[in-house]
């Protein structure tokens, strides 16, 4: 069964990138890809990891702005420390 080639475009969302990355990892671990396809999958996986890290960095910066650079415990964590 031929595998579809790795997509070159950027993913629309973080979740889409993670799903594609998981699919690539599964195929590579199963040994389903030829050597050239494995190299292409590895390259695409590297691009997806960079994309995901950039998205996480953006979110981290947004949270810092919203919280005023001050870390606050989650409500569940605060409840546990008060008990």
PDB file of N, CA and C in Angstrom:
ATOM      1  N   UNK A   1       0.842  -1.173   0.000  1.00  0.00           N
ATOM      2  CA  UNK A   1       0.000   0.000   0.000  1.00  0.00           C
ATOM      3  C   UNK A   1       0.893   1.243   0.000  1.00  0.00           C
ATOM      4  N   UNK A   2       0.784   2.131  -1.006  1.00  0.00           N
ATOM      5  CA  UNK A   2       1.627   3.320  -1.049  1.00  0.00           C
ATOM      6  C   UNK A   2       1.205   4.316   0.022  1.00  0.00           C
ATOM      7  N   UNK A   3       2.196   4.948   0.589  1.00  0.00           N
ATOM      8  CA  UNK A   3       1.933   5.960   1.609  1.00  0.00           C
ATOM      9  C   UNK A   3       1.849   7.315   0.956  1.00  0.00           C
ATOM     10  N   UNK A   4       0.993   8.191   1.500  1.00  0.00           N
ATOM     11  CA  UNK A   4       0.904   9.524   0.932  1.00  0.00           C
ATOM     12  C   UNK A   4       2.163  10.309   1.283  1.00  0.00           C
ATOM     13  N   UNK A   5       2.633  11.169   0.392  1.00  0.00           N
ATOM     14  CA  UNK A   5       3.843  11.933   0.673  1.00  0.00           C
ATOM     15  C   UNK A   5       3.610  12.941   1.782  1.00  0.00           C
ATOM     16  N   UNK A   6       4.692  13.277   2.460  1.00  0.00           N
ATOM     17  CA  UNK A   6       4.603  14.259   3.537  1.00  0.00           C
ATOM     18  C   UNK A   6       4.152  15.603   2.977  1.00  0.00           C
ATOM     19  N   UNK A   7       3.298  16.282   3.709  1.00  0.00           N
ATOM     20  CA  UNK A   7       2.798  17.584   3.271  1.00  0.00           C
ATOM     21  C   UNK A   7       3.832  18.655   3.563  1.00  0.00           C
ATOM     22  N   UNK A   8       3.926  19.615   2.650  1.00  0.00           N
ATOM     23  CA  UNK A   8       4.923  20.664   2.803  1.00  0.00           C
ATOM     24  C   UNK A   8       4.349  21.911   3.460  1.00  0.00           C
ATOM     25  N   UNK A   9       3.036  22.074   3.463  1.00  0.00           N
ATOM     26  CA  UNK A   9       2.444  23.292   4.010  1.00  0.00           C
ATOM     27  C   UNK A   9       2.441  23.265   5.541  1.00  0.00           C
ATOM     28  N   UNK A  10       2.309  24.444   6.113  1.00  0.00           N
ATOM     29  CA  UNK A  10       2.242  24.554   7.564  1.00  0.00           C
ATOM     30  C   UNK A  10       0.898  24.042   8.050  1.00  0.00           C
ATOM     31  N   UNK A  11       0.874  23.413   9.200  1.00  0.00           N
ATOM     32  CA  UNK A  11      -0.400  22.951   9.745  1.00  0.00           C
ATOM     33  C   UNK A  11      -1.267  24.136  10.159  1.00  0.00           C
ATOM     34  N   UNK A  12      -2.564  23.924  10.154  1.00  0.00           N
ATOM     35  CA  UNK A  12      -3.498  24.993  10.511  1.00  0.00           C
ATOM     36  C   UNK A  12      -3.505  25.246  12.019  1.00  0.00           C
ATOM     37  N   UNK A  13      -3.297  24.180  12.805  1.00  0.00           N
ATOM     38  CA  UNK A  13      -3.356  24.310  14.261  1.00  0.00           C
ATOM     39  C   UNK A  13      -2.272  23.467  14.921  1.00  0.00           C
ATOM     40  N   UNK A  14      -2.039  23.739  16.177  1.00  0.00           N
ATOM     41  CA  UNK A  14      -1.106  22.960  16.982  1.00  0.00           C
ATOM     42  C   UNK A  14      -1.553  21.502  17.020  1.00  0.00           C
ATOM     43  N   UNK A  15      -2.859  21.305  17.215  1.00  0.00           N
ATOM     44  CA  UNK A  15      -3.392  19.946  17.314  1.00  0.00           C
ATOM     45  C   UNK A  15      -3.206  19.177  16.009  1.00  0.00           C
ATOM     46  N   UNK A  16      -3.383  19.856  14.880  1.00  0.00           N
ATOM     47  CA  UNK A  16      -3.177  19.214  13.586  1.00  0.00           C
ATOM     48  C   UNK A  16      -1.711  18.810  13.423  1.00  0.00           C
ATOM     49  N   UNK A  17      -0.817  19.672  13.842  1.00  0.00           N
ATOM     50  CA  UNK A  17       0.615  19.366  13.757  1.00  0.00           C
ATOM     51  C   UNK A  17       0.962  18.171  14.626  1.00  0.00           C
ATOM     52  N   UNK A  18       0.427  18.122  15.820  1.00  0.00           N
ATOM     53  CA  UNK A  18       0.698  16.992  16.712  1.00  0.00           C
ATOM     54  C   UNK A  18       0.148  15.692  16.138  1.00  0.00           C
ATOM     55  N   UNK A  19      -1.035  15.735  15.544  1.00  0.00           N
ATOM     56  CA  UNK A  19      -1.627  14.530  14.955  1.00  0.00           C
ATOM     57  C   UNK A  19      -0.780  14.033  13.786  1.00  0.00           C
ATOM     58  N   UNK A  20      -0.336  14.957  12.941  1.00  0.00           N
ATOM     59  CA  UNK A  20       0.505  14.562  11.810  1.00  0.00           C
ATOM     60  C   UNK A  20       1.838  14.005  12.299  1.00  0.00           C
ATOM     61  N   UNK A  21       2.400  14.634  13.312  1.00  0.00           N
ATOM     62  CA  UNK A  21       3.662  14.165  13.877  1.00  0.00           C
ATOM     63  C   UNK A  21       3.510  12.765  14.451  1.00  0.00           C
ATOM     64  N   UNK A  22       2.419  12.511  15.151  1.00  0.00           N
ATOM     65  CA  UNK A  22       2.172  11.177  15.705  1.00  0.00           C
ATOM     66  C   UNK A  22       2.043  10.144  14.598  1.00  0.00           C
ATOM     67  N   UNK A  23       1.371  10.509  13.509  1.00  0.00           N
ATOM     68  CA  UNK A  23       1.225   9.591  12.379  1.00  0.00           C
ATOM     69  C   UNK A  23       2.586   9.263  11.768  1.00  0.00           C
ATOM     70  N   UNK A  24       3.429  10.278  11.606  1.00  0.00           N
ATOM     71  CA  UNK A  24       4.763  10.054  11.057  1.00  0.00           C
ATOM     72  C   UNK A  24       5.590   9.136  11.962  1.00  0.00           C
ATOM     73  N   UNK A  25       5.537   9.379  13.250  1.00  0.00           N
ATOM     74  CA  UNK A  25       6.296   8.563  14.204  1.00  0.00           C
ATOM     75  C   UNK A  25       5.822   7.114  14.152  1.00  0.00           C
ATOM     76  N   UNK A  26       4.519   6.921  14.102  1.00  0.00           N
ATOM     77  CA  UNK A  26       3.963   5.570  14.046  1.00  0.00           C
ATOM     78  C   UNK A  26       4.439   4.833  12.800  1.00  0.00           C
ATOM     79  N   UNK A  27       4.401   5.513  11.651  1.00  0.00           N
ATOM     80  CA  UNK A  27       4.848   4.891  10.405  1.00  0.00           C
ATOM     81  C   UNK A  27       6.334   4.575  10.458  1.00  0.00           C
ATOM     82  N   UNK A  28       7.131   5.482  10.978  1.00  0.00           N
ATOM     83  CA  UNK A  28       8.570   5.261  11.031  1.00  0.00           C
ATOM     84  C   UNK A  28       8.912   4.122  11.995  1.00  0.00           C
ATOM     85  N   UNK A  29       8.255   4.092  13.138  1.00  0.00           N
ATOM     86  CA  UNK A  29       8.527   3.030  14.109  1.00  0.00           C
ATOM     87  C   UNK A  29       8.103   1.656  13.592  1.00  0.00           C
ATOM     88  N   UNK A  30       7.060   1.633  12.774  1.00  0.00           N
ATOM     89  CA  UNK A  30       6.577   0.371  12.235  1.00  0.00           C
ATOM     90  C   UNK A  30       7.416  -0.116  11.059  1.00  0.00           C
ATOM     91  N   UNK A  31       8.309   0.718  10.560  1.00  0.00           N
ATOM     92  CA  UNK A  31       9.137   0.337   9.430  1.00  0.00           C
ATOM     93  C   UNK A  31       8.359   0.267   8.133  1.00  0.00           C
ATOM     94  N   UNK A  32       7.298   1.062   8.026  1.00  0.00           N
ATOM     95  CA  UNK A  32       6.428   1.031   6.854  1.00  0.00           C
ATOM     96  C   UNK A  32       6.954   1.863   5.693  1.00  0.00           C
ATOM     97  N   UNK A  33       7.988   2.641   5.891  1.00  0.00           N
ATOM     98  CA  UNK A  33       8.450   3.575   4.876  1.00  0.00           C
ATOM     99  C   UNK A  33       9.769   3.130   4.258  1.00  0.00           C
ATOM    100  N   UNK A  34       9.919   3.411   2.974  1.00  0.00           N
ATOM    101  CA  UNK A  34      11.199   3.184   2.303  1.00  0.00           C
ATOM    102  C   UNK A  34      12.203   4.207   2.825  1.00  0.00           C
ATOM    103  N   UNK A  35      13.480   3.993   2.523  1.00  0.00           N
ATOM    104  CA  UNK A  35      14.526   4.878   3.034  1.00  0.00           C
ATOM    105  C   UNK A  35      14.272   6.343   2.680  1.00  0.00           C
ATOM    106  N   UNK A  36      13.984   6.618   1.401  1.00  0.00           N
ATOM    107  CA  UNK A  36      13.749   7.995   0.980  1.00  0.00           C
ATOM    108  C   UNK A  36      12.527   8.592   1.673  1.00  0.00           C
ATOM    109  N   UNK A  37      11.483   7.800   1.815  1.00  0.00           N
ATOM    110  CA  UNK A  37      10.280   8.260   2.496  1.00  0.00           C
ATOM    111  C   UNK A  37      10.549   8.497   3.977  1.00  0.00           C
ATOM    112  N   UNK A  38      11.400   7.671   4.572  1.00  0.00           N
ATOM    113  CA  UNK A  38      11.767   7.859   5.980  1.00  0.00           C
ATOM    114  C   UNK A  38      12.512   9.168   6.179  1.00  0.00           C
ATOM    115  N   UNK A  39      13.412   9.478   5.251  1.00  0.00           N
ATOM    116  CA  UNK A  39      14.154  10.739   5.342  1.00  0.00           C
ATOM    117  C   UNK A  39      13.202  11.920   5.195  1.00  0.00           C
ATOM    118  N   UNK A  40      12.278  11.826   4.237  1.00  0.00           N
ATOM    119  CA  UNK A  40      11.294  12.896   4.049  1.00  0.00           C
ATOM    120  C   UNK A  40      10.403  13.034   5.289  1.00  0.00           C
ATOM    121  N   UNK A  41      10.017  11.907   5.877  1.00  0.00           N
ATOM    122  CA  UNK A  41       9.183  11.935   7.081  1.00  0.00           C
ATOM    123  C   UNK A  41       9.945  12.556   8.246  1.00  0.00           C
ATOM    124  N   UNK A  42      11.225  12.234   8.361  1.00  0.00           N
ATOM    125  CA  UNK A  42      12.041  12.813   9.431  1.00  0.00           C
ATOM    126  C   UNK A  42      12.144  14.328   9.256  1.00  0.00           C
ATOM    127  N   UNK A  43      12.361  14.765   8.022  1.00  0.00           N
ATOM    128  CA  UNK A  43      12.451  16.206   7.744  1.00  0.00           C
ATOM    129  C   UNK A  43      11.133  16.899   8.086  1.00  0.00           C
ATOM    130  N   UNK A  44      10.020  16.299   7.664  1.00  0.00           N
ATOM    131  CA  UNK A  44       8.709  16.878   7.958  1.00  0.00           C
ATOM    132  C   UNK A  44       8.472  16.881   9.466  1.00  0.00           C
ATOM    133  N   UNK A  45       8.854  15.823  10.137  1.00  0.00           N
ATOM    134  CA  UNK A  45       8.706  15.773  11.585  1.00  0.00           C
ATOM    135  C   UNK A  45       9.491  16.871  12.271  1.00  0.00           C
ATOM    136  N   UNK A  46      10.681  17.149  11.790  1.00  0.00           N
ATOM    137  CA  UNK A  46      11.494  18.234  12.359  1.00  0.00           C
ATOM    138  C   UNK A  46      10.802  19.575  12.176  1.00  0.00           C
ATOM    139  N   UNK A  47      10.210  19.776  10.994  1.00  0.00           N
ATOM    140  CA  UNK A  47       9.477  21.018  10.736  1.00  0.00           C
ATOM    141  C   UNK A  47       8.273  21.140  11.675  1.00  0.00           C
ATOM    142  N   UNK A  48       7.577  20.030  11.882  1.00  0.00           N
ATOM    143  CA  UNK A  48       6.409  20.044  12.769  1.00  0.00           C
ATOM    144  C   UNK A  48       6.803  20.324  14.216  1.00  0.00           C
ATOM    145  N   UNK A  49       7.911  19.742  14.657  1.00  0.00           N
ATOM    146  CA  UNK A  49       8.385  19.994  16.022  1.00  0.00           C
ATOM    147  C   UNK A  49       8.716  21.475  16.192  1.00  0.00           C
ATOM    148  N   UNK A  50       9.398  22.061  15.219  1.00  0.00           N
ATOM    149  CA  UNK A  50       9.717  23.493  15.286  1.00  0.00           C
ATOM    150  C   UNK A  50       8.446  24.334  15.334  1.00  0.00           C
ATOM    151  N   UNK A  51       7.456  23.971  14.517  1.00  0.00           N
ATOM    152  CA  UNK A  51       6.182  24.681  14.504  1.00  0.00           C
ATOM    153  C   UNK A  51       5.511  24.594  15.884  1.00  0.00           C
ATOM    154  N   UNK A  52       5.464  23.395  16.447  1.00  0.00           N
ATOM    155  CA  UNK A  52       4.823  23.206  17.755  1.00  0.00           C
ATOM    156  C   UNK A  52       5.550  23.979  18.851  1.00  0.00           C
ATOM    157  N   UNK A  53       6.868  23.952  18.829  1.00  0.00           N
ATOM    158  CA  UNK A  53       7.632  24.706  19.828  1.00  0.00           C
ATOM    159  C   UNK A  53       7.380  26.197  19.708  1.00  0.00           C
ATOM    160  N   UNK A  54       7.287  26.695  18.473  1.00  0.00           N
ATOM    161  CA  UNK A  54       7.003  28.118  18.265  1.00  0.00           C
ATOM    162  C   UNK A  54       5.613  28.470  18.786  1.00  0.00           C
ATOM    163  N   UNK A  55       4.639  27.584  18.556  1.00  0.00           N
ATOM    164  CA  UNK A  55       3.287  27.835  19.050  1.00  0.00           C
ATOM    165  C   UNK A  55       3.249  27.832  20.575  1.00  0.00           C
ATOM    166  N   UNK A  56       3.944  26.891  21.192  1.00  0.00           N
ATOM    167  CA  UNK A  56       3.998  26.842  22.654  1.00  0.00           C
ATOM    168  C   UNK A  56       4.686  28.076  23.223  1.00  0.00           C
ATOM    169  N   UNK A  57       5.717  28.552  22.549  1.00  0.00           N
ATOM    170  CA  UNK A  57       6.414  29.757  22.990  1.00  0.00           C
ATOM    171  C   UNK A  57       5.492  30.967  22.916  1.00  0.00           C
ATOM    172  N   UNK A  58       4.701  31.067  21.839  1.00  0.00           N
ATOM    173  CA  UNK A  58       3.745  32.173  21.708  1.00  0.00           C
ATOM    174  C   UNK A  58       2.729  32.155  22.840  1.00  0.00           C
ATOM    175  N   UNK A  59       2.203  30.969  23.126  1.00  0.00           N
ATOM    176  CA  UNK A  59       1.210  30.839  24.194  1.00  0.00           C
ATOM    177  C   UNK A  59       1.836  31.185  25.539  1.00  0.00           C
ATOM    178  N   UNK A  60       3.053  30.712  25.762  1.00  0.00           N
ATOM    179  CA  UNK A  60       3.752  31.017  27.008  1.00  0.00           C
ATOM    180  C   UNK A  60       3.908  32.526  27.182  1.00  0.00           C
ATOM    181  N   UNK A  61       4.280  33.214  26.119  1.00  0.00           N
ATOM    182  CA  UNK A  61       4.431  34.672  26.184  1.00  0.00           C
ATOM    183  C   UNK A  61       3.098  35.360  26.432  1.00  0.00           C
ATOM    184  N   UNK A  62       2.027  34.854  25.833  1.00  0.00           N
ATOM    185  CA  UNK A  62       0.699  35.428  26.064  1.00  0.00           C
ATOM    186  C   UNK A  62       0.275  35.258  27.509  1.00  0.00           C
ATOM    187  N   UNK A  63       0.528  34.082  28.075  1.00  0.00           N
ATOM    188  CA  UNK A  63       0.167  33.834  29.475  1.00  0.00           C
ATOM    189  C   UNK A  63       0.959  34.765  30.387  1.00  0.00           C
ATOM    190  N   UNK A  64       2.242  34.958  30.092  1.00  0.00           N
ATOM    191  CA  UNK A  64       3.058  35.853  30.908  1.00  0.00           C
ATOM    192  C   UNK A  64       2.513  37.271  30.871  1.00  0.00           C
ATOM    193  N   UNK A  65       2.071  37.712  29.727  1.00  0.00           N
ATOM    194  CA  UNK A  65       1.500  39.053  29.609  1.00  0.00           C
ATOM    195  C   UNK A  65       0.202  39.134  30.405  1.00  0.00           C
ATOM    196  N   UNK A  66      -0.656  38.122  30.248  1.00  0.00           N
ATOM    197  CA  UNK A  66      -1.941  38.124  30.946  1.00  0.00           C
ATOM    198  C   UNK A  66      -1.779  38.040  32.452  1.00  0.00           C
ATOM    199  N   UNK A  67      -0.779  37.310  32.913  1.00  0.00           N
ATOM    200  CA  UNK A  67      -0.573  37.126  34.342  1.00  0.00           C
ATOM    201  C   UNK A  67       0.418  38.132  34.919  1.00  0.00           C
ATOM    202  N   UNK A  68       0.905  39.027  34.117  1.00  0.00           N
ATOM    203  CA  UNK A  68       1.833  40.030  34.615  1.00  0.00           C
ATOM    204  C   UNK A  68       3.153  39.439  35.065  1.00  0.00           C
ATOM    205  N   UNK A  69       3.668  38.448  34.330  1.00  0.00           N
ATOM    206  CA  UNK A  69       4.938  37.792  34.657  1.00  0.00           C
ATOM    207  C   UNK A  69       4.916  37.111  36.024  1.00  0.00           C
ATOM    208  N   UNK A  70       3.747  36.908  36.584  1.00  0.00           N
ATOM    209  CA  UNK A  70       3.638  36.325  37.914  1.00  0.00           C
ATOM    210  C   UNK A  70       2.984  34.953  37.816  1.00  0.00           C
ATOM    211  N   UNK A  71       3.665  33.917  38.260  1.00  0.00           N
ATOM    212  CA  UNK A  71       3.092  32.584  38.228  1.00  0.00           C
ATOM    213  C   UNK A  71       2.068  32.435  39.343  1.00  0.00           C
ATOM    214  N   UNK A  72       0.927  31.878  38.984  1.00  0.00           N
ATOM    215  CA  UNK A  72      -0.141  31.674  39.958  1.00  0.00           C
ATOM    216  C   UNK A  72      -0.504  30.197  39.964  1.00  0.00           C
ATOM    217  N   UNK A  73      -0.790  29.609  41.097  1.00  0.00           N
ATOM    218  CA  UNK A  73      -1.168  28.198  41.144  1.00  0.00           C
ATOM    219  C   UNK A  73      -2.549  27.990  40.537  1.00  0.00           C
ATOM    220  N   UNK A  74      -2.768  26.785  39.999  1.00  0.00           N
ATOM    221  CA  UNK A  74      -4.091  26.436  39.527  1.00  0.00           C
ATOM    222  C   UNK A  74      -5.028  26.376  40.716  1.00  0.00           C
ATOM    223  N   UNK A  75      -6.318  26.549  40.484  1.00  0.00           N
ATOM    224  CA  UNK A  75      -7.307  26.522  41.564  1.00  0.00           C
ATOM    225  C   UNK A  75      -7.245  25.201  42.317  1.00  0.00           C
ATOM    226  N   UNK A  76      -7.075  24.079  41.623  1.00  0.00           N
ATOM    227  CA  UNK A  76      -7.008  22.768  42.282  1.00  0.00           C
ATOM    228  C   UNK A  76      -5.783  22.689  43.177  1.00  0.00           C
ATOM    229  N   UNK A  77      -4.650  23.229  42.728  1.00  0.00           N
ATOM    230  CA  UNK A  77      -3.433  23.231  43.539  1.00  0.00           C
ATOM    231  C   UNK A  77      -3.615  24.082  44.788  1.00  0.00           C
ATOM    232  N   UNK A  78      -4.282  25.210  44.653  1.00  0.00           N
ATOM    233  CA  UNK A  78      -4.508  26.106  45.788  1.00  0.00           C
ATOM    234  C   UNK A  78      -5.414  25.427  46.819  1.00  0.00           C
ATOM    235  N   UNK A  79      -6.430  24.706  46.359  1.00  0.00           N
ATOM    236  CA  UNK A  79      -7.334  24.003  47.278  1.00  0.00           C
ATOM    237  C   UNK A  79      -6.584  22.928  48.070  1.00  0.00           C
ATOM    238  N   UNK A  80      -5.664  22.228  47.410  1.00  0.00           N
ATOM    239  CA  UNK A  80      -4.919  21.168  48.077  1.00  0.00           C
ATOM    240  C   UNK A  80      -3.977  21.724  49.135  1.00  0.00           C
ATOM    241  N   UNK A  81      -3.377  22.883  48.888  1.00  0.00           N
ATOM    242  CA  UNK A  81      -2.446  23.452  49.866  1.00  0.00           C
ATOM    243  C   UNK A  81      -3.172  24.027  51.063  1.00  0.00           C
ATOM    244  N   UNK A  82      -4.435  24.406  50.888  1.00  0.00           N
ATOM    245  CA  UNK A  82      -5.185  24.966  52.007  1.00  0.00           C
ATOM    246  C   UNK A  82      -5.721  23.885  52.938  1.00  0.00           C
ATOM    247  N   UNK A  83      -5.840  22.663  52.449  1.00  0.00           N
ATOM    248  CA  UNK A  83      -6.418  21.570  53.245  1.00  0.00           C
ATOM    249  C   UNK A  83      -5.489  21.059  54.282  1.00  0.00           C
TER     250      UNK A  83
END
